[in-house]
Amino acid sequence: MRGAKSFDQEVDNAGTFLILTSEGNSRLRQLQAGLLFQRLWLKAIHDGFAVVPASQPLQEYAAMAEHYRGIHRAFAAPGQTIQMIAFLGRPKDGYRRGFRLSVKDLVRQP
């Protein structure tokens, strides 16, 4: 629950949303999108922004199929595949360098 609350707070503080698309969805296009996303992420962090992947649409499963189709209808041109959705921003209380939780947030001492 703590992770979901943190995620919601970061979405509320996001200044920009990024939707990374490619022509088609071949393995090569997936890799190219991943490499581009990594470069964008590193540049954003260098410039003082937090970057949080909001969704990785490649991870398709039955419960999300209708959402997946809706996102593509709304944001991808014909023939394109959304490879990654992320948001960028500067939260009021600082920011994490990545989307993962700190070990300190996950491990409890007796």
N, C-alpha and C. Protein backbone atom coordinates (compact mmCIF):
# COMPACT_ATOMS: atom_id res chain seq x y z
N MET A 1 0.81 -1.18 0.00
CA MET A 1 0.00 0.00 0.00
C MET A 1 0.86 1.26 0.00
N ARG A 2 2.00 1.20 0.68
CA ARG A 2 2.89 2.36 0.72
C ARG A 2 3.38 2.72 -0.67
N GLY A 3 3.72 1.70 -1.46
CA GLY A 3 4.18 1.96 -2.83
C GLY A 3 3.10 2.60 -3.68
N ALA A 4 1.85 2.14 -3.55
CA ALA A 4 0.75 2.71 -4.32
C ALA A 4 0.51 4.16 -3.93
N LYS A 5 0.58 4.47 -2.64
CA LYS A 5 0.40 5.85 -2.17
C LYS A 5 1.51 6.74 -2.72
N SER A 6 2.74 6.26 -2.66
CA SER A 6 3.88 7.01 -3.19
C SER A 6 3.72 7.25 -4.69
N PHE A 7 3.29 6.21 -5.40
CA PHE A 7 3.09 6.32 -6.84
C PHE A 7 2.03 7.38 -7.15
N ASP A 8 0.91 7.36 -6.42
CA ASP A 8 -0.15 8.35 -6.63
C ASP A 8 0.35 9.77 -6.38
N GLN A 9 1.17 9.95 -5.34
CA GLN A 9 1.71 11.27 -5.04
C GLN A 9 2.63 11.74 -6.17
N GLU A 10 3.42 10.84 -6.71
CA GLU A 10 4.32 11.22 -7.80
C GLU A 10 3.54 11.56 -9.06
N VAL A 11 2.46 10.84 -9.35
CA VAL A 11 1.62 11.18 -10.51
C VAL A 11 1.03 12.58 -10.32
N ASP A 12 0.56 12.88 -9.11
CA ASP A 12 -0.01 14.20 -8.84
C ASP A 12 1.00 15.32 -9.04
N ASN A 13 2.28 15.05 -8.83
CA ASN A 13 3.33 16.07 -8.97
C ASN A 13 3.99 16.08 -10.35
N ALA A 14 3.56 15.19 -11.21
CA ALA A 14 4.18 15.09 -12.54
C ALA A 14 3.89 16.35 -13.35
N GLY A 15 4.91 16.85 -13.99
CA GLY A 15 4.74 18.01 -14.86
C GLY A 15 4.56 17.61 -16.31
N THR A 16 5.06 16.45 -16.66
CA THR A 16 5.06 16.01 -18.05
C THR A 16 4.86 14.50 -18.12
N PHE A 17 4.09 14.06 -19.08
CA PHE A 17 3.95 12.64 -19.35
C PHE A 17 4.63 12.33 -20.67
N LEU A 18 5.28 11.20 -20.72
CA LEU A 18 6.03 10.75 -21.89
C LEU A 18 5.39 9.48 -22.41
N ILE A 19 5.07 9.46 -23.69
CA ILE A 19 4.58 8.24 -24.33
C ILE A 19 5.55 7.94 -25.47
N LEU A 20 6.26 6.84 -25.34
CA LEU A 20 7.28 6.44 -26.32
C LEU A 20 6.66 5.39 -27.24
N THR A 21 6.63 5.70 -28.54
CA THR A 21 6.03 4.79 -29.52
C THR A 21 7.07 4.36 -30.54
N SER A 22 6.76 3.29 -31.24
CA SER A 22 7.61 2.82 -32.33
C SER A 22 6.72 2.38 -33.49
N GLU A 23 7.31 2.32 -34.66
CA GLU A 23 6.61 1.75 -35.81
C GLU A 23 6.64 0.24 -35.64
N GLY A 24 5.50 -0.36 -35.46
CA GLY A 24 5.44 -1.81 -35.27
C GLY A 24 5.93 -2.21 -33.89
N ASN A 25 6.09 -3.53 -33.72
CA ASN A 25 6.46 -4.05 -32.41
C ASN A 25 7.44 -5.21 -32.51
N SER A 26 8.36 -5.12 -33.44
CA SER A 26 9.37 -6.19 -33.57
C SER A 26 10.30 -6.15 -32.36
N ARG A 27 11.04 -7.20 -32.16
CA ARG A 27 12.00 -7.23 -31.05
C ARG A 27 13.02 -6.11 -31.20
N LEU A 28 13.45 -5.83 -32.43
CA LEU A 28 14.39 -4.74 -32.66
C LEU A 28 13.79 -3.40 -32.23
N ARG A 29 12.52 -3.16 -32.58
CA ARG A 29 11.85 -1.90 -32.17
C ARG A 29 11.74 -1.82 -30.65
N GLN A 30 11.45 -2.94 -30.01
CA GLN A 30 11.37 -2.95 -28.55
C GLN A 30 12.71 -2.57 -27.93
N LEU A 31 13.79 -3.15 -28.45
CA LEU A 31 15.13 -2.84 -27.92
C LEU A 31 15.50 -1.39 -28.17
N GLN A 32 15.21 -0.89 -29.37
CA GLN A 32 15.51 0.50 -29.68
C GLN A 32 14.73 1.44 -28.75
N ALA A 33 13.48 1.13 -28.49
CA ALA A 33 12.68 1.95 -27.58
C ALA A 33 13.26 1.92 -26.17
N GLY A 34 13.70 0.74 -25.72
CA GLY A 34 14.30 0.63 -24.40
C GLY A 34 15.58 1.44 -24.28
N LEU A 35 16.41 1.41 -25.31
CA LEU A 35 17.65 2.19 -25.30
C LEU A 35 17.36 3.69 -25.30
N LEU A 36 16.39 4.11 -26.09
CA LEU A 36 16.01 5.53 -26.11
C LEU A 36 15.45 5.95 -24.76
N PHE A 37 14.60 5.11 -24.18
CA PHE A 37 14.03 5.45 -22.88
C PHE A 37 15.13 5.61 -21.83
N GLN A 38 16.11 4.73 -21.85
CA GLN A 38 17.21 4.82 -20.88
C GLN A 38 17.98 6.13 -21.05
N ARG A 39 18.23 6.53 -22.30
CA ARG A 39 18.93 7.81 -22.54
C ARG A 39 18.10 8.99 -22.05
N LEU A 40 16.80 8.96 -22.33
CA LEU A 40 15.91 10.03 -21.85
C LEU A 40 15.90 10.09 -20.33
N TRP A 41 15.85 8.94 -19.70
CA TRP A 41 15.82 8.85 -18.24
C TRP A 41 17.10 9.44 -17.65
N LEU A 42 18.24 9.05 -18.16
CA LEU A 42 19.51 9.55 -17.64
C LEU A 42 19.63 11.06 -17.82
N LYS A 43 19.19 11.58 -18.96
CA LYS A 43 19.24 13.03 -19.20
C LYS A 43 18.31 13.76 -18.23
N ALA A 44 17.12 13.24 -18.04
CA ALA A 44 16.17 13.87 -17.13
C ALA A 44 16.71 13.91 -15.70
N ILE A 45 17.28 12.81 -15.24
CA ILE A 45 17.86 12.76 -13.90
C ILE A 45 19.01 13.77 -13.79
N HIS A 46 19.85 13.83 -14.82
CA HIS A 46 20.96 14.78 -14.84
C HIS A 46 20.45 16.21 -14.70
N ASP A 47 19.27 16.48 -15.29
CA ASP A 47 18.69 17.82 -15.26
C ASP A 47 17.80 18.07 -14.03
N GLY A 48 17.77 17.10 -13.09
CA GLY A 48 17.06 17.30 -11.84
C GLY A 48 15.62 16.86 -11.79
N PHE A 49 15.20 16.04 -12.72
CA PHE A 49 13.82 15.55 -12.75
C PHE A 49 13.74 14.12 -12.23
N ALA A 50 12.61 13.78 -11.67
CA ALA A 50 12.30 12.39 -11.33
C ALA A 50 11.61 11.78 -12.55
N VAL A 51 11.89 10.52 -12.83
CA VAL A 51 11.25 9.80 -13.92
C VAL A 51 10.64 8.54 -13.34
N VAL A 52 9.36 8.35 -13.59
CA VAL A 52 8.68 7.17 -13.06
C VAL A 52 7.89 6.50 -14.18
N PRO A 53 8.28 5.28 -14.56
CA PRO A 53 7.47 4.56 -15.55
C PRO A 53 6.09 4.31 -14.98
N ALA A 54 5.07 4.74 -15.70
CA ALA A 54 3.70 4.56 -15.23
C ALA A 54 3.11 3.26 -15.76
N SER A 55 3.63 2.79 -16.87
CA SER A 55 3.12 1.58 -17.47
C SER A 55 4.11 1.10 -18.52
N GLN A 56 4.22 -0.19 -18.65
CA GLN A 56 4.98 -0.75 -19.76
C GLN A 56 4.02 -1.63 -20.54
N PRO A 57 3.38 -1.05 -21.55
CA PRO A 57 2.32 -1.76 -22.25
C PRO A 57 2.73 -3.07 -22.89
N LEU A 58 4.03 -3.32 -23.04
CA LEU A 58 4.44 -4.61 -23.59
C LEU A 58 4.06 -5.76 -22.68
N GLN A 59 3.87 -5.49 -21.41
CA GLN A 59 3.50 -6.53 -20.46
C GLN A 59 2.00 -6.75 -20.53
N GLU A 60 1.58 -7.38 -21.59
CA GLU A 60 0.16 -7.62 -21.81
C GLU A 60 -0.32 -8.85 -21.04
N TYR A 61 -1.50 -8.75 -20.49
CA TYR A 61 -2.16 -9.90 -19.92
C TYR A 61 -3.66 -9.65 -19.98
N ALA A 62 -4.43 -10.71 -19.84
CA ALA A 62 -5.87 -10.66 -20.12
C ALA A 62 -6.60 -9.56 -19.36
N ALA A 63 -6.31 -9.37 -18.08
CA ALA A 63 -7.03 -8.39 -17.28
C ALA A 63 -6.81 -6.96 -17.76
N MET A 64 -5.72 -6.72 -18.49
CA MET A 64 -5.41 -5.36 -18.94
C MET A 64 -5.65 -5.17 -20.44
N ALA A 65 -6.16 -6.19 -21.12
CA ALA A 65 -6.28 -6.14 -22.58
C ALA A 65 -7.11 -4.96 -23.06
N GLU A 66 -8.26 -4.72 -22.44
CA GLU A 66 -9.10 -3.61 -22.88
C GLU A 66 -8.43 -2.26 -22.62
N HIS A 67 -7.76 -2.12 -21.49
CA HIS A 67 -7.02 -0.88 -21.19
C HIS A 67 -5.91 -0.68 -22.22
N TYR A 68 -5.21 -1.75 -22.54
CA TYR A 68 -4.13 -1.72 -23.53
C TYR A 68 -4.65 -1.20 -24.87
N ARG A 69 -5.78 -1.77 -25.33
CA ARG A 69 -6.36 -1.33 -26.61
C ARG A 69 -6.80 0.13 -26.53
N GLY A 70 -7.39 0.53 -25.41
CA GLY A 70 -7.85 1.91 -25.25
C GLY A 70 -6.70 2.91 -25.29
N ILE A 71 -5.61 2.58 -24.62
CA ILE A 71 -4.43 3.46 -24.62
C ILE A 71 -3.89 3.61 -26.04
N HIS A 72 -3.83 2.51 -26.78
CA HIS A 72 -3.33 2.59 -28.15
C HIS A 72 -4.29 3.38 -29.05
N ARG A 73 -5.58 3.20 -28.87
CA ARG A 73 -6.55 3.97 -29.67
C ARG A 73 -6.38 5.47 -29.39
N ALA A 74 -6.15 5.82 -28.14
CA ALA A 74 -6.07 7.23 -27.76
C ALA A 74 -4.75 7.89 -28.11
N PHE A 75 -3.63 7.14 -28.04
CA PHE A 75 -2.32 7.79 -28.11
C PHE A 75 -1.37 7.30 -29.19
N ALA A 76 -1.70 6.23 -29.89
CA ALA A 76 -0.78 5.72 -30.92
C ALA A 76 -1.40 5.89 -32.30
N ALA A 77 -0.59 6.31 -33.23
CA ALA A 77 -1.05 6.42 -34.61
C ALA A 77 -1.19 5.01 -35.20
N PRO A 78 -1.96 4.87 -36.27
CA PRO A 78 -2.09 3.54 -36.90
C PRO A 78 -0.71 2.96 -37.24
N GLY A 79 -0.52 1.70 -36.88
CA GLY A 79 0.75 1.03 -37.15
C GLY A 79 1.80 1.22 -36.07
N GLN A 80 1.53 2.08 -35.09
CA GLN A 80 2.48 2.31 -34.02
C GLN A 80 2.13 1.48 -32.79
N THR A 81 3.15 1.21 -32.00
CA THR A 81 2.99 0.51 -30.73
C THR A 81 3.54 1.40 -29.63
N ILE A 82 2.78 1.56 -28.56
CA ILE A 82 3.28 2.28 -27.39
C ILE A 82 4.22 1.33 -26.65
N GLN A 83 5.45 1.75 -26.50
CA GLN A 83 6.45 0.93 -25.83
C GLN A 83 6.58 1.27 -24.35
N MET A 84 6.35 2.54 -23.98
CA MET A 84 6.53 2.93 -22.59
C MET A 84 5.73 4.20 -22.32
N ILE A 85 5.16 4.27 -21.12
CA ILE A 85 4.51 5.49 -20.63
C ILE A 85 5.21 5.83 -19.31
N ALA A 86 5.60 7.08 -19.16
CA ALA A 86 6.29 7.50 -17.93
C ALA A 86 5.87 8.93 -17.63
N PHE A 87 6.17 9.37 -16.43
CA PHE A 87 5.94 10.77 -16.11
C PHE A 87 7.19 11.36 -15.49
N LEU A 88 7.34 12.67 -15.70
CA LEU A 88 8.49 13.41 -15.22
C LEU A 88 7.99 14.56 -14.36
N GLY A 89 8.72 14.87 -13.32
CA GLY A 89 8.34 15.99 -12.49
C GLY A 89 9.34 16.24 -11.39
N ARG A 90 9.05 17.24 -10.60
CA ARG A 90 9.87 17.59 -9.44
C ARG A 90 8.97 17.62 -8.22
N PRO A 91 8.81 16.48 -7.53
CA PRO A 91 7.96 16.46 -6.34
C PRO A 91 8.44 17.46 -5.30
N LYS A 92 7.51 17.96 -4.52
CA LYS A 92 7.80 18.98 -3.51
C LYS A 92 8.83 18.53 -2.48
N ASP A 93 8.78 17.26 -2.11
CA ASP A 93 9.66 16.74 -1.06
C ASP A 93 10.86 15.99 -1.61
N GLY A 94 11.41 16.43 -2.72
CA GLY A 94 12.53 15.72 -3.31
C GLY A 94 12.02 14.62 -4.22
N TYR A 95 12.92 13.80 -4.69
CA TYR A 95 12.52 12.75 -5.61
C TYR A 95 13.47 11.58 -5.52
N ARG A 96 12.95 10.46 -5.96
CA ARG A 96 13.76 9.25 -6.05
C ARG A 96 14.48 9.24 -7.39
N ARG A 97 15.61 8.60 -7.43
CA ARG A 97 16.36 8.51 -8.68
C ARG A 97 15.79 7.46 -9.63
N GLY A 98 14.88 6.67 -9.16
CA GLY A 98 14.28 5.65 -10.00
C GLY A 98 12.91 5.30 -9.50
N PHE A 99 12.30 4.33 -10.12
CA PHE A 99 10.94 3.99 -9.75
C PHE A 99 10.87 2.93 -8.65
N ARG A 100 11.99 2.39 -8.25
CA ARG A 100 12.00 1.35 -7.22
C ARG A 100 11.99 1.95 -5.82
N LEU A 101 11.41 1.22 -4.90
CA LEU A 101 11.39 1.66 -3.50
C LEU A 101 12.75 1.43 -2.86
N SER A 102 13.07 2.22 -1.89
CA SER A 102 14.29 2.05 -1.13
C SER A 102 14.19 0.78 -0.29
N VAL A 103 15.30 0.08 -0.12
CA VAL A 103 15.32 -1.10 0.74
C VAL A 103 14.86 -0.72 2.14
N LYS A 104 15.22 0.46 2.60
CA LYS A 104 14.83 0.93 3.95
C LYS A 104 13.30 0.99 4.09
N ASP A 105 12.60 1.22 2.99
CA ASP A 105 11.15 1.26 3.04
C ASP A 105 10.53 -0.14 3.08
N LEU A 106 11.30 -1.13 2.70
CA LEU A 106 10.77 -2.49 2.59
C LEU A 106 11.16 -3.41 3.74
N VAL A 107 12.30 -3.16 4.39
CA VAL A 107 12.81 -4.04 5.43
C VAL A 107 12.49 -3.43 6.79
N ARG A 108 11.92 -4.25 7.65
CA ARG A 108 11.59 -3.79 9.00
C ARG A 108 12.52 -4.47 10.00
N GLN A 109 13.03 -3.69 10.90
CA GLN A 109 13.88 -4.22 11.98
C GLN A 109 13.00 -4.57 13.17
N PRO A 110 13.30 -5.68 13.88
CA PRO A 110 12.49 -6.04 15.05
C PRO A 110 12.65 -5.03 16.18
